[in-house]
Protein backbone atom coordinates (compact mmCIF):
# COMPACT_ATOMS: atom_id res chain seq x y z
CA MET A 1 -7.77 7.65 0.09
CA TYR A 2 -5.38 6.02 -1.65
CA LEU A 3 -3.43 6.87 -2.61
CA LEU A 4 -2.21 6.11 -2.95
CA ILE A 5 -0.56 6.04 -4.79
CA LEU A 6 2.56 4.90 -5.89
CA VAL A 7 6.19 4.61 -8.03
CA PHE A 8 9.05 2.45 -8.32
CA ASN A 9 12.36 4.54 -8.03
CA HIS A 10 13.97 1.43 -9.61
CA ARG A 11 12.27 -1.23 -11.25
CA ILE A 12 11.66 -3.99 -8.69
CA CYS A 13 11.40 -7.60 -10.20
CA PHE A 14 8.86 -9.50 -8.05
CA ASN A 15 8.93 -12.82 -9.99
CA ALA A 16 9.75 -14.50 -6.61
CA LEU A 17 11.05 -18.10 -6.16
CA ASP A 18 13.10 -17.89 -9.44
CA SER A 19 16.30 -19.14 -7.88
CA GLU A 20 15.57 -19.83 -4.41
CA ARG A 21 12.82 -22.22 -3.31
CA GLY A 22 10.39 -22.24 -0.20
CA LEU A 23 8.69 -19.99 2.02
CA VAL A 24 11.69 -19.18 4.26
CA ALA A 25 13.72 -18.05 1.31
CA TRP A 26 10.99 -15.93 -0.10
CA LEU A 27 10.49 -14.19 3.19
CA ARG A 28 14.14 -13.59 3.54
CA ARG A 29 14.06 -12.14 0.16
CA TRP A 30 10.89 -9.84 0.46
CA TRP A 31 10.45 -9.11 4.26
CA ARG A 32 11.79 -5.56 4.10
CA PRO A 33 9.62 -4.38 0.93
CA LEU A 34 6.45 -5.96 2.87
CA PHE A 35 7.53 -4.15 6.05
CA ALA A 36 7.94 -1.11 4.26
CA GLU A 37 4.47 -1.34 2.61
CA MET A 38 2.90 -1.91 5.89
CA VAL A 39 4.56 1.21 7.55
CA ALA A 40 4.04 3.50 4.75
CA THR A 41 0.22 2.46 4.46
CA ALA A 42 -0.03 3.00 8.29
CA LEU A 43 1.41 6.49 7.93
CA LEU A 44 -0.69 7.27 5.09
CA VAL A 45 -3.84 6.43 7.06
CA LEU A 46 -2.83 7.67 10.39
CA LEU A 47 -1.70 11.22 9.19
CA GLY A 48 -4.19 11.47 6.33
CA VAL A 49 -7.17 10.54 8.18
CA ALA A 50 -6.15 12.95 11.03
CA SER A 51 -6.82 15.85 8.53
CA LEU A 52 -10.39 14.62 8.46
CA LEU A 53 -11.08 14.77 12.19
CA PRO A 54 -13.82 17.27 13.27
CA VAL A 55 -12.69 20.86 14.38
CA ASN A 56 -14.96 22.19 17.12
CA GLY A 57 -17.41 19.68 15.94
CA LYS A 58 -17.65 20.67 12.33
CA GLU A 59 -15.92 18.83 9.43
CA PRO A 60 -12.85 20.32 8.03
CA PRO A 61 -12.72 21.86 4.64
CA LEU A 62 -11.92 19.74 1.54
CA THR A 63 -8.53 21.44 1.59
CA HIS A 64 -7.50 19.71 4.55
CA PRO A 65 -7.45 16.17 3.22
CA ALA A 66 -6.43 17.14 -0.33
CA PHE A 67 -3.20 18.63 0.77
CA ALA A 68 -2.60 16.09 3.71
CA PHE A 69 -2.93 13.10 1.48
CA GLY A 70 -1.03 14.61 -1.28
CA ILE A 71 2.00 15.73 0.87
CA ILE A 72 1.92 12.32 2.80
CA VAL A 73 2.28 10.52 -0.46
CA LEU A 74 5.02 12.65 -1.57
CA ALA A 75 6.92 12.06 1.73
CA ASN A 76 6.33 8.28 1.78
CA VAL A 77 7.36 7.90 -1.94
CA GLU A 78 10.69 9.52 -1.00
CA ALA A 79 11.27 7.53 2.16
CA PHE A 80 9.78 4.05 1.11
CA GLY A 81 9.87 4.09 -2.81
CA PRO A 82 13.42 2.73 -3.06
CA ILE A 83 12.44 -0.11 -0.76
CA SER A 84 9.14 -1.38 -2.03
CA GLY A 85 7.87 1.09 -4.71
CA ALA A 86 5.64 2.75 -1.97
CA HIS A 87 2.30 1.50 -3.47
CA MET A 88 0.43 1.68 -0.10
CA ASN A 89 -2.67 0.97 -2.03
CA PRO A 90 -4.06 -2.41 -3.47
CA ALA A 91 -5.22 -0.63 -6.63
CA VAL A 92 -1.82 0.54 -7.30
CA THR A 93 -0.38 -2.99 -6.72
CA LEU A 94 -3.13 -4.36 -9.02
CA ALA A 95 -1.72 -1.85 -11.92
CA ALA A 96 1.91 -3.09 -11.27
CA LEU A 97 0.65 -6.66 -11.61
CA LEU A 98 -1.43 -6.12 -14.72
CA ASP A 99 1.48 -4.08 -16.21
CA GLY A 100 3.90 -6.98 -15.48
CA ARG A 101 5.96 -5.29 -12.88
CA ILE A 102 5.26 -7.45 -9.91
CA GLY A 103 4.42 -11.25 -9.66
CA PRO A 104 1.09 -12.57 -8.23
CA VAL A 105 2.61 -13.94 -4.91
CA ALA A 106 4.19 -10.68 -4.08
CA ALA A 107 1.22 -8.79 -5.10
CA ALA A 108 -1.11 -10.72 -2.75
CA ALA A 109 1.52 -10.26 0.12
CA TYR A 110 1.65 -6.63 -0.53
CA VAL A 111 -2.16 -6.21 -0.28
CA VAL A 112 -2.10 -8.07 3.09
CA ALA A 113 0.66 -5.85 4.37
CA GLN A 114 -1.20 -2.62 3.20
CA SER A 115 -4.43 -3.79 4.87
CA ILE A 116 -2.60 -4.65 8.19
CA GLY A 117 -0.96 -1.23 7.86
CA ALA A 118 -4.09 0.72 7.31
CA THR A 119 -5.81 -0.95 10.20
CA LEU A 120 -2.85 -0.27 12.52
CA GLY A 121 -2.67 3.32 11.30
CA PHE A 122 -6.33 3.92 11.92
CA GLY A 123 -6.23 2.14 15.23
CA THR A 124 -3.33 4.27 16.40
CA LEU A 125 -5.39 7.57 15.42
CA MET A 126 -8.33 6.23 17.40
CA ALA A 127 -6.16 5.72 20.39
CA LEU A 128 -4.42 9.05 20.08
CA CYS A 129 -7.58 11.04 19.72
CA PRO A 130 -10.51 9.04 21.27
CA ASP A 131 -12.73 11.99 21.74
CA ALA A 132 -12.82 12.82 18.21
CA PHE A 133 -14.43 9.53 17.32
CA ASN A 134 -17.60 10.31 19.68
CA GLY A 135 -18.88 12.85 17.30
CA GLY A 136 -20.26 10.76 14.80
CA PRO A 137 -20.70 7.09 13.81
CA TYR A 138 -18.20 6.99 10.89
CA VAL A 139 -15.54 9.56 11.54
CA GLY A 140 -12.66 8.95 9.29
CA GLY A 141 -14.37 6.30 7.10
CA ASN A 142 -15.44 6.65 3.49
CA LEU A 143 -19.11 7.33 2.53
CA PRO A 144 -20.82 8.10 -0.62
CA GLY A 145 -21.67 11.81 -0.52
CA SER A 146 -23.66 13.73 -3.18
CA VAL A 147 -24.18 10.65 -5.41
CA SER A 148 -25.53 7.16 -4.90
CA ALA A 149 -23.45 4.08 -4.01
CA VAL A 150 -23.42 3.25 -7.65
CA GLY A 151 -22.41 6.64 -8.69
CA ALA A 152 -19.68 6.80 -6.01
CA ALA A 153 -18.24 3.57 -7.31
CA CYS A 154 -18.09 5.00 -10.84
CA VAL A 155 -16.34 8.28 -9.44
CA GLU A 156 -13.77 6.05 -7.42
CA ALA A 157 -13.19 3.94 -10.69
CA LEU A 158 -12.59 7.34 -12.59
CA LEU A 159 -10.28 8.83 -10.05
CA THR A 160 -8.35 5.74 -9.57
CA GLY A 161 -8.09 4.93 -13.22
CA VAL A 162 -6.43 8.25 -13.66
CA LEU A 163 -4.06 7.34 -10.77
CA ALA A 164 -3.02 4.21 -12.53
CA LEU A 165 -2.37 6.02 -15.85
CA VAL A 166 -0.10 8.22 -14.18
CA CYS A 167 1.66 5.29 -12.30
CA CYS A 168 2.15 3.41 -15.65
CA ALA A 169 3.41 6.37 -17.44
CA ILE A 170 5.97 6.81 -14.60
CA TRP A 171 6.96 3.24 -14.68
CA THR A 172 7.29 3.13 -18.46
CA SER A 173 9.48 6.21 -18.47
CA HIS A 174 11.70 4.66 -15.87
CA SER A 175 12.10 1.53 -17.80
CA GLU A 176 13.25 3.47 -20.69
CA GLY A 177 15.88 5.07 -18.41
CA LYS A 178 14.60 8.31 -18.06
CA GLN A 179 15.17 9.33 -14.32
CA ASP A 180 12.79 12.02 -12.98
CA PRO A 181 13.56 13.34 -9.48
CA THR A 182 10.25 15.20 -9.40
CA VAL A 183 8.09 12.12 -9.47
CA SER A 184 6.99 12.25 -5.91
CA ILE A 185 6.06 15.86 -6.30
CA LYS A 186 3.83 14.88 -9.39
CA LEU A 187 2.23 11.97 -7.67
CA GLY A 188 1.45 14.14 -4.46
CA LEU A 189 -0.18 16.90 -6.65
CA THR A 190 -2.04 14.12 -8.53
CA ILE A 191 -3.67 12.81 -5.43
CA ALA A 192 -4.43 16.30 -4.01
CA GLY A 193 -6.12 17.16 -7.33
CA LEU A 194 -8.13 13.87 -7.38
CA VAL A 195 -9.28 14.33 -3.94
CA TYR A 196 -10.63 17.66 -4.80
CA ALA A 197 -12.44 16.45 -7.81
CA GLY A 198 -14.01 13.54 -6.06
CA GLY A 199 -14.14 14.38 -2.41
CA VAL A 200 -17.70 15.65 -2.14
CA MET A 201 -19.21 12.90 -4.42
CA SER A 202 -17.50 9.58 -3.08
CA SER A 203 -14.92 10.91 -0.28
CA ALA A 204 -12.37 10.09 -2.80
CA SER A 205 -10.67 7.08 -1.30
CA LEU A 206 -9.10 5.61 -4.28
CA ASN A 207 -7.71 3.08 -2.11
CA PRO A 208 -9.22 -0.22 -0.55
CA ALA A 209 -6.94 -0.45 2.27
CA ARG A 210 -7.56 3.11 3.38
CA SER A 211 -11.34 2.29 3.45
CA LEU A 212 -10.77 -1.19 4.98
CA GLY A 213 -8.94 0.17 8.12
CA PRO A 214 -11.89 2.26 9.44
CA ALA A 215 -14.54 -0.23 8.24
CA PHE A 216 -12.57 -2.91 10.20
CA LEU A 217 -12.71 -0.89 13.40
CA LEU A 218 -15.78 1.00 13.03
CA GLY A 219 -17.91 -1.41 11.53
CA PHE A 220 -18.65 -2.50 7.86
CA ARG A 221 -21.24 -0.62 6.01
CA PRO A 222 -23.65 -1.88 3.27
CA ASP A 223 -21.80 0.39 0.75
CA HIS A 224 -18.10 -0.67 1.53
CA TRP A 225 -18.19 -2.54 -1.61
CA VAL A 226 -17.95 0.82 -3.39
CA TYR A 227 -14.40 1.16 -2.15
CA TRP A 228 -13.31 -1.99 -3.50
CA VAL A 229 -15.17 -2.38 -6.73
CA GLY A 230 -14.47 1.09 -7.71
CA PRO A 231 -10.84 1.69 -7.29
CA LEU A 232 -9.79 -1.86 -8.41
CA GLY A 233 -12.06 -1.76 -11.44
CA GLY A 234 -10.91 1.77 -12.35
CA SER A 235 -7.19 0.54 -11.91
CA ALA A 236 -7.61 -2.25 -14.00
CA LEU A 237 -9.17 -0.32 -16.87
CA GLY A 238 -6.59 2.48 -16.61
CA THR A 239 -3.75 0.08 -16.62
CA LEU A 240 -5.02 -2.15 -19.67
CA LEU A 241 -5.71 0.95 -21.56
CA HIS A 242 -2.27 2.32 -21.00
CA ARG A 243 -0.52 -0.95 -21.73
CA PHE A 244 -2.28 -1.94 -24.85
CA VAL A 245 -3.72 1.40 -26.37
CA LEU A 246 -1.53 4.30 -25.16
CA ARG A 247 1.94 3.08 -24.51
CA PRO A 248 4.03 3.85 -27.51
CA PRO A 249 5.85 0.77 -29.02
CA ARG A 250 9.46 0.35 -28.36
CA ALA A 251 11.76 1.62 -31.21
CA ALA A 252 13.07 -1.35 -33.26
CA PRO A 253 16.89 -1.52 -33.59
CA PRO A 254 18.32 0.05 -36.74
CA ARG A 255 18.81 -2.22 -39.59
CA ALA A 256 22.34 -2.40 -41.21
CA GLU A 257 21.15 -0.83 -44.22
CA ASP A 258 19.98 2.09 -42.27
CA LEU A 259 23.17 2.82 -40.54
CA PRO A 260 25.30 5.65 -41.92
CA LEU A 261 27.99 4.79 -44.29
CA HIS A 262 31.68 5.35 -43.15
CA ASP A 263 33.76 5.74 -46.40
CA LYS A 264 37.46 4.83 -45.91
CA GLY A 265 38.85 7.71 -47.57
CA ASP A 266 38.02 11.03 -49.32
CA HIS A 267 37.10 11.30 -52.94
């Protein structure tokens, strides 16, 4: 899953190469956020997918991944949010790009870092628990469940669209100077709820990187496209809906004639 999910604890301007030029200067400026994204995504996949490993040969209940991914998102937002925004998810990075909060170069670099992190996280889990991956051909990966591949893509789009709406609302509120110390809790609960809602139908990835890690190491399935088209499409629709329809316009500065009068004396 994705989650996840992500939020700027401070607005990060990713219009790179504005005053400094060259790849070296850009890397010197952004290596730390990219490293944070890689580590955060690795932890998300490692610890989140661990909750999906079979217990006595049986799949764990949906409660396990719902709470695991939700709480890990909460922890990562607290730990990595001030550094990189804690996207951990190409769908969240796409939302930030379409919402004008990250530049295209940094967005592409984020997706690369997230994909590497997801693969490292899943590979670490396989190394720690090799026996768990002998029970089935696609343990820890994302598969359509009670719906077809097309249906699963629609479910992924719906779930990720909701996540994008939440992220955009949080970013907008922060841009207006409204600090909310409970953002990580809200995001964690959002992820848990979305996993509950869609886990049976699509396995509720919401996150192309989370799906890529297992696919890269276990083998790509014909329906792997579901977990790119669905989350990215839903993120784009949710972000554009918020940006051009739902976001309230900024209040215009008061005109001089609207300001209260200040009389010089009492009458």
